[in-house]
Amino acid sequence: MLLLAAAAQAQIPRMQAVPLPYEEISFRRDGKELTRLHYGARMDRPFLYPVYSAKGDEMTRIGHPHDPHGHRHHYSIWFAATPVNGEDFWADGKGRIRAKRVVKIDDGATKATVALESAWGMLLEEQRTISVIDLGGDWMIEMSMTLKATNGPVVFDAKGFGPVGVRMAKSIGVKDGGGKIVNSSGLINEKAVFRQPACWVDYCGPVPSSLAGITLFDHPSNIQHPQAVHVRDDGWMGAAMTEKGAVTIPRGETVTLRYGFLVHTGALDKNVVEAAWKAFATR
């Protein structure tokens, strides 16, 4: 019986994506939740919350710590944009990114993956793949989104918001917790980093266990790579895909965007981040 139990345990994937009630999927490593996908019909857009460090610290939050109503659309880690053909898919109660169906769920030894099909109103069809990857301690999220213009050309206006946002936990913010923002060029905090192009940007600060952070990766295949990053000392960072000009998807054509999110414990280690970004860039 002991041999049978050991053999059965050896076959359980370390990384799992577990469907839950209310249209949620829990990404787990060895049975412990790392993050959770929310994609229900009542949502204005799919998002990931909570996001835990390897030590169990909450890394993100919902909403701005000092403007919970005006920034209630800050859903931890999310994908959205405005203006898109003049529509706002960024704020709540406006354009909706509606999840239509979960296409696939895969578990594995080193990663768990969910494929999700969504629609941006009548403008875009989206195929999204979210993978949560074990790095032997720390871990990361890889997100790939293919957008297809279905009913005509779709224009993402220049200097708009999106397509990726991360709202950090209050204690990690520069203003509220003494955290720190660093980009791949070595620039520090909002004044220097704001809307500057970068292969990656890291937001790190105090958490109950000590220090932890999230590094946002921009893939070399992305439009306008290296994309500019929009950051704030109040705990916000995101990719600015249209900083260098508007992006148009002709009718019937597609654009694919890829982003990574390295969830690390301890202070920023540039050598570790550079190695992780290079590995991500080759995938």
Protein backbone atom coordinates (compact mmCIF):
# COMPACT_ATOMS: atom_id res chain seq x y z
CA MET A 1 0.00 0.00 0.00
CA LEU A 2 2.84 2.42 0.80
CA LEU A 3 4.44 1.77 -2.59
CA LEU A 4 1.10 2.29 -4.31
CA ALA A 5 0.55 5.58 -2.47
CA ALA A 6 4.06 6.78 -3.31
CA ALA A 7 3.61 5.88 -6.97
CA ALA A 8 0.28 7.70 -7.12
CA GLN A 9 1.74 10.80 -5.46
CA ALA A 10 4.64 10.82 -7.92
CA GLN A 11 2.16 11.08 -10.79
CA ILE A 12 0.35 14.15 -9.39
CA PRO A 13 1.47 17.20 -11.39
CA ARG A 14 3.25 19.79 -9.25
CA MET A 15 1.64 22.61 -11.22
CA GLN A 16 -2.14 22.55 -11.53
CA ALA A 17 -4.94 24.79 -12.81
CA VAL A 18 -8.01 23.86 -10.75
CA PRO A 19 -11.49 25.02 -11.88
CA LEU A 20 -13.60 26.52 -9.07
CA PRO A 21 -17.19 27.75 -8.69
CA TYR A 22 -18.15 31.24 -9.90
CA GLU A 23 -15.98 30.95 -13.03
CA GLU A 24 -12.60 30.99 -11.35
CA ILE A 25 -9.46 28.90 -11.89
CA SER A 26 -6.84 28.46 -9.17
CA PHE A 27 -3.21 28.04 -10.25
CA ARG A 28 -1.39 25.92 -7.67
CA ARG A 29 2.08 24.57 -6.97
CA ASP A 30 2.18 21.45 -4.78
CA GLY A 31 -1.40 22.22 -3.74
CA LYS A 32 -0.73 25.82 -2.66
CA GLU A 33 -2.39 28.61 -4.60
CA LEU A 34 -0.10 31.05 -6.43
CA THR A 35 -2.78 33.06 -8.24
CA ARG A 36 -6.40 32.84 -9.38
CA LEU A 37 -8.04 33.69 -12.70
CA HIS A 38 -11.43 35.43 -12.53
CA TYR A 39 -13.34 35.39 -15.82
CA GLY A 40 -17.05 35.38 -14.90
CA ALA A 41 -19.80 36.98 -16.95
CA ARG A 42 -20.36 39.60 -14.24
CA MET A 43 -16.81 40.92 -14.71
CA ASP A 44 -15.86 43.79 -17.02
CA ARG A 45 -12.71 41.88 -17.94
CA PRO A 46 -10.73 38.79 -16.86
CA PHE A 47 -8.01 39.33 -14.23
CA LEU A 48 -5.63 37.53 -11.85
CA TYR A 49 -6.08 37.96 -8.10
CA PRO A 50 -4.64 37.28 -5.59
CA VAL A 51 -0.98 36.87 -6.51
CA TYR A 52 1.16 35.24 -3.82
CA SER A 53 4.93 35.19 -3.43
CA ALA A 54 6.68 31.88 -2.78
CA LYS A 55 6.46 32.76 0.94
CA GLY A 56 2.73 33.42 0.79
CA ASP A 57 2.75 37.23 0.76
CA GLU A 58 0.01 39.02 -1.19
CA MET A 59 1.76 40.90 -3.97
CA THR A 60 -1.15 42.79 -5.54
CA ARG A 61 -4.43 44.45 -4.59
CA ILE A 62 -7.72 45.60 -6.11
CA GLY A 63 -8.00 49.38 -6.58
CA HIS A 64 -5.85 52.39 -5.76
CA PRO A 65 -5.03 52.60 -2.02
CA HIS A 66 -6.07 56.28 -1.91
CA ASP A 67 -8.81 56.31 -4.56
CA PRO A 68 -10.70 53.01 -4.27
CA HIS A 69 -13.71 54.18 -6.28
CA GLY A 70 -12.07 56.18 -9.06
CA HIS A 71 -9.53 53.40 -9.65
CA ARG A 72 -11.70 50.39 -8.84
CA HIS A 73 -10.85 49.04 -12.32
CA HIS A 74 -7.29 48.28 -11.14
CA TYR A 75 -7.77 44.51 -10.90
CA SER A 76 -4.41 43.23 -9.62
CA ILE A 77 -3.00 41.95 -12.95
CA TRP A 78 -5.21 42.57 -15.97
CA PHE A 79 -5.24 43.16 -19.74
CA ALA A 80 -7.27 46.03 -21.23
CA ALA A 81 -6.89 49.25 -23.23
CA THR A 82 -8.38 52.64 -24.14
CA PRO A 83 -9.23 54.23 -26.52
CA VAL A 84 -9.93 51.38 -28.98
CA ASN A 85 -11.91 52.72 -31.96
CA GLY A 86 -12.98 55.40 -29.52
CA GLU A 87 -14.27 52.90 -26.95
CA ASP A 88 -12.98 52.59 -23.38
CA PHE A 89 -12.16 49.00 -22.40
CA TRP A 90 -10.06 50.22 -19.44
CA ALA A 91 -12.58 51.68 -16.98
CA ASP A 92 -15.49 49.83 -15.37
CA GLY A 93 -19.00 50.13 -16.76
CA LYS A 94 -17.92 50.89 -20.33
CA GLY A 95 -16.51 48.56 -23.00
CA ARG A 96 -16.40 44.95 -21.79
CA ILE A 97 -13.92 42.19 -22.46
CA ARG A 98 -16.28 39.24 -22.10
CA ALA A 99 -14.87 35.76 -21.56
CA LYS A 100 -16.78 33.36 -23.83
CA ARG A 101 -15.29 29.99 -22.89
CA VAL A 102 -12.34 28.18 -21.41
CA VAL A 103 -10.76 26.34 -24.32
CA LYS A 104 -8.22 24.19 -22.49
CA ILE A 105 -6.69 23.50 -19.08
CA ASP A 106 -3.33 21.71 -18.77
CA ASP A 107 -1.38 20.61 -15.68
CA GLY A 108 2.27 19.65 -15.66
CA ALA A 109 5.53 19.14 -13.81
CA THR A 110 6.78 22.69 -14.37
CA LYS A 111 3.78 24.71 -15.58
CA ALA A 112 0.00 24.88 -15.66
CA THR A 113 -1.82 26.56 -18.54
CA VAL A 114 -5.30 27.90 -19.27
CA ALA A 115 -6.52 28.95 -22.74
CA LEU A 116 -9.39 31.45 -22.72
CA GLU A 117 -11.49 32.85 -25.56
CA SER A 118 -12.93 36.36 -25.13
CA ALA A 119 -14.52 39.20 -27.10
CA TRP A 120 -13.89 42.95 -26.92
CA GLY A 121 -17.43 44.09 -27.64
CA MET A 122 -17.95 43.75 -31.40
CA LEU A 123 -14.41 44.86 -32.25
CA LEU A 124 -11.99 42.08 -31.40
CA GLU A 125 -11.84 38.35 -30.79
CA GLU A 126 -9.16 37.40 -28.29
CA GLN A 127 -7.36 34.10 -27.73
CA ARG A 128 -5.46 34.26 -24.43
CA THR A 129 -3.05 31.73 -22.95
CA ILE A 130 -2.00 32.07 -19.31
CA SER A 131 0.81 29.86 -18.02
CA VAL A 132 2.07 29.73 -14.45
CA ILE A 133 5.63 28.43 -14.38
CA ASP A 134 7.67 26.94 -11.54
CA LEU A 135 11.19 28.35 -11.26
CA GLY A 136 12.28 26.17 -8.36
CA GLY A 137 11.38 28.72 -5.67
CA ASP A 138 10.19 31.89 -7.31
CA TRP A 139 7.66 31.59 -10.12
CA MET A 140 6.27 33.51 -13.06
CA ILE A 141 3.20 34.13 -15.19
CA GLU A 142 3.45 34.16 -18.97
CA MET A 143 0.51 35.67 -20.85
CA SER A 144 -0.02 35.59 -24.60
CA MET A 145 -2.95 37.39 -26.27
CA THR A 146 -3.85 37.14 -29.96
CA LEU A 147 -6.31 39.85 -31.02
CA LYS A 148 -8.28 39.57 -34.28
CA ALA A 149 -10.16 42.50 -35.81
CA THR A 150 -13.50 40.95 -36.69
CA ASN A 151 -15.80 43.65 -38.14
CA GLY A 152 -13.39 46.23 -39.52
CA PRO A 153 -10.04 47.84 -38.76
CA VAL A 154 -9.33 48.41 -35.06
CA VAL A 155 -7.19 51.35 -33.89
CA PHE A 156 -5.48 51.59 -30.49
CA ASP A 157 -4.94 55.34 -30.14
CA ALA A 158 -1.50 56.85 -29.54
CA LYS A 159 -0.51 57.40 -25.92
CA GLY A 160 -3.56 55.49 -24.66
CA PHE A 161 -3.69 53.23 -21.63
CA GLY A 162 -2.85 49.56 -21.82
CA PRO A 163 -2.60 46.80 -22.66
CA VAL A 164 -1.28 45.43 -19.33
CA GLY A 165 -1.68 46.71 -15.79
CA VAL A 166 -0.33 45.66 -12.39
CA ARG A 167 -1.58 47.16 -9.13
CA MET A 168 0.93 46.30 -6.40
CA ALA A 169 0.11 45.71 -2.73
CA LYS A 170 0.02 48.97 -0.76
CA SER A 171 3.15 48.14 1.27
CA ILE A 172 5.20 47.67 -1.91
CA GLY A 173 4.45 51.17 -3.23
CA VAL A 174 7.22 53.76 -3.18
CA LYS A 175 5.04 56.29 -1.33
CA ASP A 176 3.22 53.98 1.08
CA GLY A 177 5.85 51.38 1.89
CA GLY A 178 9.23 52.65 0.75
CA GLY A 179 9.33 50.32 -2.25
CA LYS A 180 11.40 50.83 -5.38
CA ILE A 181 10.83 50.83 -9.13
CA VAL A 182 13.79 49.88 -11.38
CA ASN A 183 13.78 49.36 -15.15
CA SER A 184 16.17 47.46 -17.43
CA SER A 185 18.20 50.62 -18.06
CA GLY A 186 18.78 51.11 -14.33
CA LEU A 187 16.44 54.10 -13.99
CA ILE A 188 14.75 54.40 -10.59
CA ASN A 189 11.21 55.35 -9.52
CA GLU A 190 8.41 57.22 -11.25
CA LYS A 191 10.18 60.45 -12.17
CA ALA A 192 12.88 58.63 -14.16
CA VAL A 193 11.03 55.49 -15.32
CA PHE A 194 7.67 57.04 -16.36
CA ARG A 195 6.88 56.28 -20.04
CA GLN A 196 10.47 55.28 -20.82
CA PRO A 197 11.04 52.20 -23.04
CA ALA A 198 12.32 49.14 -21.20
CA CYS A 199 12.65 45.39 -21.69
CA TRP A 200 11.52 44.97 -18.09
CA VAL A 201 10.48 46.98 -15.05
CA ASP A 202 10.57 45.75 -11.46
CA TYR A 203 8.44 46.91 -8.53
CA CYS A 204 9.76 45.64 -5.19
CA GLY A 205 9.04 46.55 -1.58
CA PRO A 206 8.24 45.43 1.96
CA VAL A 207 5.86 42.52 2.58
CA PRO A 208 5.17 40.67 5.85
CA SER A 209 7.92 38.10 5.23
CA SER A 210 10.58 40.73 4.27
CA LEU A 211 10.91 42.01 0.67
CA ALA A 212 9.31 40.82 -2.58
CA GLY A 213 8.47 42.13 -6.02
CA ILE A 214 7.04 41.59 -9.48
CA THR A 215 9.02 42.17 -12.66
CA LEU A 216 7.00 42.93 -15.79
CA PHE A 217 8.63 41.55 -18.97
CA ASP A 218 8.04 42.88 -22.49
CA HIS A 219 8.59 40.24 -25.21
CA PRO A 220 10.86 41.17 -28.16
CA SER A 221 8.12 40.19 -30.62
CA ASN A 222 5.72 42.81 -29.24
CA ILE A 223 4.69 45.91 -31.17
CA GLN A 224 6.96 48.90 -30.38
CA HIS A 225 9.36 46.75 -28.35
CA PRO A 226 10.85 47.80 -26.05
CA GLN A 227 7.53 49.25 -25.02
CA ALA A 228 7.31 52.26 -22.75
CA VAL A 229 6.18 51.56 -19.20
CA HIS A 230 3.66 53.61 -17.26
CA VAL A 231 4.55 53.64 -13.55
CA ARG A 232 3.50 55.50 -10.43
CA ASP A 233 5.11 55.72 -7.01
CA ASP A 234 1.67 54.83 -5.56
CA GLY A 235 2.10 51.17 -6.57
CA TRP A 236 1.14 50.97 -10.24
CA MET A 237 2.96 49.76 -13.36
CA GLY A 238 1.90 48.80 -16.85
CA ALA A 239 2.97 48.51 -20.47
CA ALA A 240 2.26 51.44 -22.80
CA MET A 241 1.93 49.80 -26.21
CA THR A 242 1.06 52.98 -28.14
CA GLU A 243 3.51 55.49 -26.68
CA LYS A 244 5.31 55.78 -30.05
CA GLY A 245 2.11 56.02 -32.09
CA ALA A 246 -1.28 54.44 -32.79
CA VAL A 247 -1.52 50.72 -33.56
CA THR A 248 -3.96 49.51 -36.24
CA ILE A 249 -5.16 45.94 -36.79
CA PRO A 250 -6.67 45.64 -40.28
CA ARG A 251 -9.96 43.77 -40.64
CA GLY A 252 -9.46 40.01 -40.45
CA GLU A 253 -5.85 40.29 -39.30
CA THR A 254 -4.30 39.56 -35.91
CA VAL A 255 -1.74 40.92 -33.49
CA THR A 256 -0.13 38.82 -30.76
CA LEU A 257 1.19 40.34 -27.54
CA ARG A 258 3.27 38.54 -24.92
CA TYR A 259 4.10 39.61 -21.37
CA GLY A 260 5.75 37.95 -18.39
CA PHE A 261 5.44 38.57 -14.66
CA LEU A 262 8.29 37.28 -12.49
CA VAL A 263 7.16 36.99 -8.85
CA HIS A 264 10.30 37.08 -6.73
CA THR A 265 11.14 37.03 -3.04
CA GLY A 266 13.88 39.27 -1.70
CA ALA A 267 15.26 42.43 -3.26
CA LEU A 268 15.74 42.83 -7.00
CA ASP A 269 18.66 40.77 -8.31
CA LYS A 270 19.42 42.17 -11.76
CA ASN A 271 21.40 39.09 -12.83
CA VAL A 272 18.49 36.80 -11.98
CA VAL A 273 15.99 39.08 -13.72
CA GLU A 274 18.13 39.42 -16.85
CA ALA A 275 18.51 35.63 -17.09
CA ALA A 276 14.76 35.15 -16.62
CA TRP A 277 13.97 37.80 -19.24
CA LYS A 278 16.34 36.23 -21.77
CA ALA A 279 14.71 32.82 -21.23
CA PHE A 280 11.27 34.40 -21.66
CA ALA A 281 12.43 36.25 -24.79
CA THR A 282 13.40 33.01 -26.53
CA ARG A 283 9.99 31.37 -25.97
